[in-house]
Structure formats: C-alpha cells, structure tokens
Amino acid sequence: MKYALLLITALLITGCAEIKGAGRTIGHTTRDVTKQIGHTTRDVTREIGHGTRDTVKGIGNQIQNQ
C-alpha cells in the first residue's frame, strides 16, 4: 500500500511538471507573438504618420509657391 501511494504521488508530480512546462511554453510564445504584433503595428503607424506629414507639407509648399 505504501509503494502504491508513492507511485501515485510520483506520477502526479511528474504530470504537474509537464503541465507547467506546457503552460510556460504557451505563455512565452503568446508573449513573443503579441510583442512582435505590437512592434509591427507601431512601425506601420509611424510610417503612415510620416508619409501623411510629408504629403501635407508638400501640398503646403506647392500652394505657397503659386
């Protein structure tokens, strides 16, 4: 009976460690993907803003030169 209890305890501990490892992998992957999405969004937004600014300045310069 004592050995059966030890075996069951060992199996539960091993199972918990595997679940913890899987959770960590999922968590880190999610963190990395969302970080990459955020950085890409920031870069695209910056480029759109700079393009818009340059276009508006160009139009303003054309109006002043007329």
PDB file of N, CA and C in Angstrom:
ATOM      1  N   MET A   1       0.834  -1.200   0.000  1.00  0.00           N
ATOM      2  CA  MET A   1       0.000   0.000   0.000  1.00  0.00           C
ATOM      3  C   MET A   1       0.871   1.254   0.000  1.00  0.00           C
ATOM      4  N   LYS A   2       1.950   1.199   0.758  1.00  0.00           N
ATOM      5  CA  LYS A   2       2.838   2.343   0.862  1.00  0.00           C
ATOM      6  C   LYS A   2       3.492   2.643  -0.500  1.00  0.00           C
ATOM      7  N   TYR A   3       3.905   1.565  -1.208  1.00  0.00           N
ATOM      8  CA  TYR A   3       4.550   1.745  -2.507  1.00  0.00           C
ATOM      9  C   TYR A   3       3.563   2.259  -3.553  1.00  0.00           C
ATOM     10  N   ALA A   4       2.338   1.836  -3.474  1.00  0.00           N
ATOM     11  CA  ALA A   4       1.322   2.302  -4.411  1.00  0.00           C
ATOM     12  C   ALA A   4       1.078   3.798  -4.228  1.00  0.00           C
ATOM     13  N   LEU A   5       1.052   4.233  -2.989  1.00  0.00           N
ATOM     14  CA  LEU A   5       0.851   5.645  -2.692  1.00  0.00           C
ATOM     15  C   LEU A   5       2.033   6.473  -3.196  1.00  0.00           C
ATOM     16  N   LEU A   6       3.238   5.974  -3.015  1.00  0.00           N
ATOM     17  CA  LEU A   6       4.428   6.658  -3.514  1.00  0.00           C
ATOM     18  C   LEU A   6       4.420   6.733  -5.044  1.00  0.00           C
ATOM     19  N   LEU A   7       4.011   5.656  -5.677  1.00  0.00           N
ATOM     20  CA  LEU A   7       3.955   5.635  -7.136  1.00  0.00           C
ATOM     21  C   LEU A   7       2.936   6.639  -7.665  1.00  0.00           C
ATOM     22  N   ILE A   8       1.782   6.675  -7.055  1.00  0.00           N
ATOM     23  CA  ILE A   8       0.732   7.621  -7.468  1.00  0.00           C
ATOM     24  C   ILE A   8       1.211   9.060  -7.260  1.00  0.00           C
ATOM     25  N   THR A   9       1.857   9.315  -6.139  1.00  0.00           N
ATOM     26  CA  THR A   9       2.370  10.660  -5.849  1.00  0.00           C
ATOM     27  C   THR A   9       3.417  11.065  -6.884  1.00  0.00           C
ATOM     28  N   ALA A  10       4.314  10.159  -7.214  1.00  0.00           N
ATOM     29  CA  ALA A  10       5.354  10.443  -8.204  1.00  0.00           C
ATOM     30  C   ALA A  10       4.736  10.739  -9.572  1.00  0.00           C
ATOM     31  N   LEU A  11       3.734   9.985  -9.962  1.00  0.00           N
ATOM     32  CA  LEU A  11       3.077  10.209 -11.247  1.00  0.00           C
ATOM     33  C   LEU A  11       2.367  11.558 -11.280  1.00  0.00           C
ATOM     34  N   LEU A  12       1.733  11.924 -10.174  1.00  0.00           N
ATOM     35  CA  LEU A  12       1.052  13.224 -10.124  1.00  0.00           C
ATOM     36  C   LEU A  12       2.042  14.373 -10.214  1.00  0.00           C
ATOM     37  N   ILE A  13       3.161  14.250  -9.521  1.00  0.00           N
ATOM     38  CA  ILE A  13       4.174  15.312  -9.556  1.00  0.00           C
ATOM     39  C   ILE A  13       4.747  15.450 -10.968  1.00  0.00           C
ATOM     40  N   THR A  14       5.018  14.329 -11.609  1.00  0.00           N
ATOM     41  CA  THR A  14       5.538  14.348 -12.977  1.00  0.00           C
ATOM     42  C   THR A  14       4.515  14.969 -13.926  1.00  0.00           C
ATOM     43  N   GLY A  15       3.266  14.618 -13.773  1.00  0.00           N
ATOM     44  CA  GLY A  15       2.207  15.179 -14.615  1.00  0.00           C
ATOM     45  C   GLY A  15       2.073  16.676 -14.428  1.00  0.00           C
ATOM     46  N   CYS A  16       2.187  17.130 -13.188  1.00  0.00           N
ATOM     47  CA  CYS A  16       2.087  18.562 -12.914  1.00  0.00           C
ATOM     48  C   CYS A  16       3.252  19.316 -13.546  1.00  0.00           C
ATOM     49  N   ALA A  17       4.440  18.731 -13.501  1.00  0.00           N
ATOM     50  CA  ALA A  17       5.608  19.380 -14.100  1.00  0.00           C
ATOM     51  C   ALA A  17       5.437  19.499 -15.609  1.00  0.00           C
ATOM     52  N   GLU A  18       4.872  18.487 -16.244  1.00  0.00           N
ATOM     53  CA  GLU A  18       4.649  18.545 -17.690  1.00  0.00           C
ATOM     54  C   GLU A  18       3.621  19.613 -18.038  1.00  0.00           C
ATOM     55  N   ILE A  19       2.580  19.705 -17.251  1.00  0.00           N
ATOM     56  CA  ILE A  19       1.550  20.725 -17.490  1.00  0.00           C
ATOM     57  C   ILE A  19       2.136  22.114 -17.291  1.00  0.00           C
ATOM     58  N   LYS A  20       2.977  22.262 -16.268  1.00  0.00           N
ATOM     59  CA  LYS A  20       3.613  23.552 -16.004  1.00  0.00           C
ATOM     60  C   LYS A  20       4.528  23.935 -17.166  1.00  0.00           C
ATOM     61  N   GLY A  21       5.276  22.980 -17.680  1.00  0.00           N
ATOM     62  CA  GLY A  21       6.163  23.246 -18.811  1.00  0.00           C
ATOM     63  C   GLY A  21       5.384  23.640 -20.057  1.00  0.00           C
ATOM     64  N   ALA A  22       4.291  22.950 -20.302  1.00  0.00           N
ATOM     65  CA  ALA A  22       3.455  23.284 -21.464  1.00  0.00           C
ATOM     66  C   ALA A  22       2.853  24.677 -21.312  1.00  0.00           C
ATOM     67  N   GLY A  23       2.418  24.997 -20.120  1.00  0.00           N
ATOM     68  CA  GLY A  23       1.859  26.329 -19.861  1.00  0.00           C
ATOM     69  C   GLY A  23       2.886  27.425 -20.058  1.00  0.00           C
ATOM     70  N   ARG A  24       4.103  27.152 -19.619  1.00  0.00           N
ATOM     71  CA  ARG A  24       5.178  28.130 -19.784  1.00  0.00           C
ATOM     72  C   ARG A  24       5.475  28.344 -21.270  1.00  0.00           C
ATOM     73  N   THR A  25       5.524  27.260 -22.023  1.00  0.00           N
ATOM     74  CA  THR A  25       5.788  27.368 -23.459  1.00  0.00           C
ATOM     75  C   THR A  25       4.695  28.173 -24.153  1.00  0.00           C
ATOM     76  N   ILE A  26       3.461  27.877 -23.840  1.00  0.00           N
ATOM     77  CA  ILE A  26       2.344  28.619 -24.432  1.00  0.00           C
ATOM     78  C   ILE A  26       2.408  30.095 -24.034  1.00  0.00           C
ATOM     79  N   GLY A  27       2.686  30.355 -22.776  1.00  0.00           N
ATOM     80  CA  GLY A  27       2.763  31.738 -22.293  1.00  0.00           C
ATOM     81  C   GLY A  27       3.865  32.530 -22.968  1.00  0.00           C
ATOM     82  N   HIS A  28       5.044  31.940 -23.082  1.00  0.00           N
ATOM     83  CA  HIS A  28       6.155  32.644 -23.705  1.00  0.00           C
ATOM     84  C   HIS A  28       5.919  32.860 -25.194  1.00  0.00           C
ATOM     85  N   THR A  29       5.333  31.885 -25.852  1.00  0.00           N
ATOM     86  CA  THR A  29       5.028  32.033 -27.275  1.00  0.00           C
ATOM     87  C   THR A  29       4.010  33.157 -27.483  1.00  0.00           C
ATOM     88  N   THR A  30       2.979  33.178 -26.653  1.00  0.00           N
ATOM     89  CA  THR A  30       1.969  34.239 -26.746  1.00  0.00           C
ATOM     90  C   THR A  30       2.600  35.601 -26.512  1.00  0.00           C
ATOM     91  N   ARG A  31       3.469  35.701 -25.507  1.00  0.00           N
ATOM     92  CA  ARG A  31       4.155  36.966 -25.211  1.00  0.00           C
ATOM     93  C   ARG A  31       4.981  37.430 -26.409  1.00  0.00           C
ATOM     94  N   ASP A  32       5.730  36.522 -27.003  1.00  0.00           N
ATOM     95  CA  ASP A  32       6.598  36.885 -28.119  1.00  0.00           C
ATOM     96  C   ASP A  32       5.801  37.309 -29.349  1.00  0.00           C
ATOM     97  N   VAL A  33       4.712  36.596 -29.622  1.00  0.00           N
ATOM     98  CA  VAL A  33       3.886  36.929 -30.789  1.00  0.00           C
ATOM     99  C   VAL A  33       3.211  38.277 -30.599  1.00  0.00           C
ATOM    100  N   THR A  34       2.648  38.532 -29.430  1.00  0.00           N
ATOM    101  CA  THR A  34       1.971  39.818 -29.209  1.00  0.00           C
ATOM    102  C   THR A  34       2.969  40.968 -29.211  1.00  0.00           C
ATOM    103  N   LYS A  35       4.194  40.721 -28.741  1.00  0.00           N
ATOM    104  CA  LYS A  35       5.226  41.762 -28.782  1.00  0.00           C
ATOM    105  C   LYS A  35       5.558  42.104 -30.231  1.00  0.00           C
ATOM    106  N   GLN A  36       5.691  41.084 -31.064  1.00  0.00           N
ATOM    107  CA  GLN A  36       6.008  41.308 -32.481  1.00  0.00           C
ATOM    108  C   GLN A  36       4.868  42.038 -33.188  1.00  0.00           C
ATOM    109  N   ILE A  37       3.629  41.661 -32.879  1.00  0.00           N
ATOM    110  CA  ILE A  37       2.478  42.352 -33.464  1.00  0.00           C
ATOM    111  C   ILE A  37       2.470  43.819 -33.046  1.00  0.00           C
ATOM    112  N   GLY A  38       2.733  44.069 -31.784  1.00  0.00           N
ATOM    113  CA  GLY A  38       2.759  45.447 -31.285  1.00  0.00           C
ATOM    114  C   GLY A  38       3.835  46.283 -31.946  1.00  0.00           C
ATOM    115  N   HIS A  39       5.023  45.718 -32.084  1.00  0.00           N
ATOM    116  CA  HIS A  39       6.115  46.460 -32.712  1.00  0.00           C
ATOM    117  C   HIS A  39       5.833  46.727 -34.184  1.00  0.00           C
ATOM    118  N   THR A  40       5.267  45.758 -34.865  1.00  0.00           N
ATOM    119  CA  THR A  40       4.930  45.945 -36.278  1.00  0.00           C
ATOM    120  C   THR A  40       3.859  47.014 -36.434  1.00  0.00           C
ATOM    121  N   THR A  41       2.854  46.980 -35.575  1.00  0.00           N
ATOM    122  CA  THR A  41       1.793  47.992 -35.614  1.00  0.00           C
ATOM    123  C   THR A  41       2.370  49.380 -35.378  1.00  0.00           C
ATOM    124  N   ARG A  42       3.264  49.490 -34.407  1.00  0.00           N
ATOM    125  CA  ARG A  42       3.905  50.778 -34.115  1.00  0.00           C
ATOM    126  C   ARG A  42       4.670  51.292 -35.326  1.00  0.00           C
ATOM    127  N   ASP A  43       5.426  50.410 -35.968  1.00  0.00           N
ATOM    128  CA  ASP A  43       6.242  50.816 -37.116  1.00  0.00           C
ATOM    129  C   ASP A  43       5.379  51.243 -38.301  1.00  0.00           C
ATOM    130  N   VAL A  44       4.309  50.495 -38.565  1.00  0.00           N
ATOM    131  CA  VAL A  44       3.410  50.842 -39.672  1.00  0.00           C
ATOM    132  C   VAL A  44       2.730  52.174 -39.395  1.00  0.00           C
ATOM    133  N   THR A  45       2.274  52.378 -38.175  1.00  0.00           N
ATOM    134  CA  THR A  45       1.610  53.633 -37.813  1.00  0.00           C
ATOM    135  C   THR A  45       2.567  54.805 -37.960  1.00  0.00           C
ATOM    136  N   ARG A  46       3.805  54.609 -37.556  1.00  0.00           N
ATOM    137  CA  ARG A  46       4.814  55.666 -37.690  1.00  0.00           C
ATOM    138  C   ARG A  46       5.035  56.015 -39.160  1.00  0.00           C
ATOM    139  N   GLU A  47       5.138  55.001 -40.013  1.00  0.00           N
ATOM    140  CA  GLU A  47       5.358  55.244 -41.439  1.00  0.00           C
ATOM    141  C   GLU A  47       4.172  55.969 -42.071  1.00  0.00           C
ATOM    142  N   ILE A  48       2.966  55.591 -41.689  1.00  0.00           N
ATOM    143  CA  ILE A  48       1.771  56.280 -42.206  1.00  0.00           C
ATOM    144  C   ILE A  48       1.779  57.733 -41.766  1.00  0.00           C
ATOM    145  N   GLY A  49       2.110  57.966 -40.507  1.00  0.00           N
ATOM    146  CA  GLY A  49       2.161  59.334 -39.989  1.00  0.00           C
ATOM    147  C   GLY A  49       3.194  60.180 -40.703  1.00  0.00           C
ATOM    148  N   HIS A  50       4.367  59.619 -40.931  1.00  0.00           N
ATOM    149  CA  HIS A  50       5.422  60.367 -41.613  1.00  0.00           C
ATOM    150  C   HIS A  50       5.041  60.635 -43.073  1.00  0.00           C
ATOM    151  N   GLY A  51       4.445  59.649 -43.719  1.00  0.00           N
ATOM    152  CA  GLY A  51       4.005  59.846 -45.100  1.00  0.00           C
ATOM    153  C   GLY A  51       2.946  60.921 -45.211  1.00  0.00           C
ATOM    154  N   THR A  52       2.001  60.908 -44.285  1.00  0.00           N
ATOM    155  CA  THR A  52       0.945  61.927 -44.277  1.00  0.00           C
ATOM    156  C   THR A  52       1.538  63.304 -44.035  1.00  0.00           C
ATOM    157  N   ARG A  53       2.442  63.398 -43.066  1.00  0.00           N
ATOM    158  CA  ARG A  53       3.084  64.681 -42.762  1.00  0.00           C
ATOM    159  C   ARG A  53       3.823  65.225 -43.972  1.00  0.00           C
ATOM    160  N   ASP A  54       4.578  64.367 -44.640  1.00  0.00           N
ATOM    161  CA  ASP A  54       5.351  64.809 -45.797  1.00  0.00           C
ATOM    162  C   ASP A  54       4.441  65.247 -46.943  1.00  0.00           C
ATOM    163  N   THR A  55       3.333  64.544 -47.138  1.00  0.00           N
ATOM    164  CA  THR A  55       2.385  64.904 -48.187  1.00  0.00           C
ATOM    165  C   THR A  55       1.748  66.260 -47.906  1.00  0.00           C
ATOM    166  N   VAL A  56       1.336  66.477 -46.666  1.00  0.00           N
ATOM    167  CA  VAL A  56       0.708  67.749 -46.292  1.00  0.00           C
ATOM    168  C   VAL A  56       1.711  68.889 -46.442  1.00  0.00           C
ATOM    169  N   LYS A  57       2.953  68.669 -46.040  1.00  0.00           N
ATOM    170  CA  LYS A  57       3.972  69.712 -46.204  1.00  0.00           C
ATOM    171  C   LYS A  57       4.209  70.011 -47.680  1.00  0.00           C
ATOM    172  N   GLY A  58       4.218  68.955 -48.505  1.00  0.00           N
ATOM    173  CA  GLY A  58       4.416  69.152 -49.943  1.00  0.00           C
ATOM    174  C   GLY A  58       3.293  69.963 -50.567  1.00  0.00           C
ATOM    175  N   ILE A  59       2.074  69.670 -50.182  1.00  0.00           N
ATOM    176  CA  ILE A  59       0.925  70.428 -50.696  1.00  0.00           C
ATOM    177  C   ILE A  59       1.001  71.878 -50.233  1.00  0.00           C
ATOM    178  N   GLY A  60       1.371  72.069 -48.971  1.00  0.00           N
ATOM    179  CA  GLY A  60       1.507  73.435 -48.440  1.00  0.00           C
ATOM    180  C   GLY A  60       2.576  74.217 -49.177  1.00  0.00           C
ATOM    181  N   ASN A  61       3.684  73.571 -49.499  1.00  0.00           N
ATOM    182  CA  ASN A  61       4.749  74.252 -50.240  1.00  0.00           C
ATOM    183  C   ASN A  61       4.298  74.593 -51.655  1.00  0.00           C
ATOM    184  N   GLN A  62       3.516  73.723 -52.294  1.00  0.00           N
ATOM    185  CA  GLN A  62       3.018  73.997 -53.648  1.00  0.00           C
ATOM    186  C   GLN A  62       2.055  75.189 -53.639  1.00  0.00           C
ATOM    187  N   ILE A  63       1.234  75.259 -52.604  1.00  0.00           N
ATOM    188  CA  ILE A  63       0.282  76.388 -52.517  1.00  0.00           C
ATOM    189  C   ILE A  63       1.031  77.691 -52.309  1.00  0.00           C
ATOM    190  N   GLN A  64       2.077  77.684 -51.476  1.00  0.00           N
ATOM    191  CA  GLN A  64       2.861  78.898 -51.212  1.00  0.00           C
ATOM    192  C   GLN A  64       3.626  79.355 -52.442  1.00  0.00           C
ATOM    193  N   ASN A  65       4.045  78.428 -53.265  1.00  0.00           N
ATOM    194  CA  ASN A  65       4.847  78.782 -54.455  1.00  0.00           C
ATOM    195  C   ASN A  65       3.995  79.295 -55.607  1.00  0.00           C
ATOM    196  N   GLN A  66       2.684  79.198 -55.533  1.00  0.00           N
ATOM    197  CA  GLN A  66       1.832  79.664 -56.628  1.00  0.00           C
ATOM    198  C   GLN A  66       1.634  81.130 -56.597  1.00  0.00           C
TER     199      GLN A  66
END
